Amino acid sequence: MGTKKLKILIPQPKSRFILVRCPTCGHEQVVFSHATFRVICLVCGTELVKPQGGKAKILGQIVKILG
């Protein structure tokens, strides 16, 4: 009889790091997609991410989704 290899499923995380551009000054900043705290722009102080009890609401423009 042939031997069967079992596939082991490894769960992938649903959260990612995201490069976000500030709508006010254009500064780009890396944020977490499931942030639990407000994220403000380091240059002008505009709120970029608002936590919503799970996946955060991204208020800036998403430039790139990082690994």
Protein backbone atom coordinates (compact mmCIF):
# COMPACT_ATOMS: atom_id res chain seq x y z
CA MET A 1 0.00 0.00 0.00
CA GLY A 2 1.10 3.54 -0.76
CA THR A 3 1.69 5.96 2.03
CA LYS A 4 -0.33 9.13 2.12
CA LYS A 5 1.15 12.36 3.37
CA LEU A 6 -1.22 14.43 5.40
CA LYS A 7 -1.27 18.14 4.69
CA ILE A 8 -0.80 20.14 7.83
CA LEU A 9 -2.71 23.38 7.60
CA ILE A 10 -0.96 26.32 9.21
CA PRO A 11 -3.29 29.23 9.95
CA GLN A 12 -2.23 32.57 8.48
CA PRO A 13 -2.75 35.78 10.47
CA LYS A 14 -5.47 38.15 9.24
CA SER A 15 -3.69 41.23 10.57
CA ARG A 16 -1.09 43.09 8.53
CA PHE A 17 1.14 46.12 8.69
CA ILE A 18 -0.02 48.85 6.30
CA LEU A 19 1.77 51.88 4.86
CA VAL A 20 -0.69 54.79 5.16
CA ARG A 21 -0.40 58.30 3.68
CA CYS A 22 -1.69 61.21 5.74
CA PRO A 23 -4.51 63.07 3.94
CA THR A 24 -3.36 66.43 5.35
CA CYS A 25 0.43 66.55 4.92
CA GLY A 26 1.22 63.51 2.76
CA HIS A 27 3.59 61.89 5.29
CA GLU A 28 3.71 58.07 4.98
CA GLN A 29 3.63 55.98 8.15
CA VAL A 30 3.48 52.25 8.93
CA VAL A 31 0.44 51.23 11.04
CA PHE A 32 -1.10 47.96 12.23
CA SER A 33 -4.40 46.90 10.63
CA HIS A 34 -5.88 45.74 13.96
CA ALA A 35 -4.67 48.69 16.06
CA THR A 36 -6.23 49.05 19.52
CA PHE A 37 -5.10 52.65 20.04
CA ARG A 38 -5.53 55.80 17.96
CA VAL A 39 -2.64 56.43 15.57
CA ILE A 40 -1.83 60.04 14.78
CA CYS A 41 0.47 61.43 12.10
CA LEU A 42 3.94 62.11 13.47
CA VAL A 43 4.25 65.33 11.44
CA CYS A 44 0.90 67.16 11.66
CA GLY A 45 -1.09 65.25 14.33
CA THR A 46 -4.02 64.17 12.12
CA GLU A 47 -5.71 60.93 13.18
CA LEU A 48 -4.79 58.12 10.75
CA VAL A 49 -6.30 55.03 12.42
CA LYS A 50 -9.33 54.71 14.67
CA PRO A 51 -9.80 51.46 16.67
CA GLN A 52 -13.16 49.72 16.31
CA GLY A 53 -12.94 46.61 18.49
CA GLY A 54 -11.18 44.35 15.99
CA LYS A 55 -10.10 45.60 12.60
CA ALA A 56 -9.27 49.31 12.83
CA LYS A 57 -10.74 51.96 10.55
CA ILE A 58 -8.03 53.44 8.32
CA LEU A 59 -8.68 57.17 7.82
CA GLY A 60 -5.67 57.86 5.59
CA GLN A 61 -4.92 56.54 2.10
CA ILE A 62 -3.53 52.99 1.99
CA VAL A 63 -0.30 53.05 -0.04
CA LYS A 64 0.95 49.48 0.41
CA ILE A 65 0.14 46.36 2.43
CA LEU A 66 3.34 45.04 3.97
CA GLY A 67 4.03 41.32 4.54
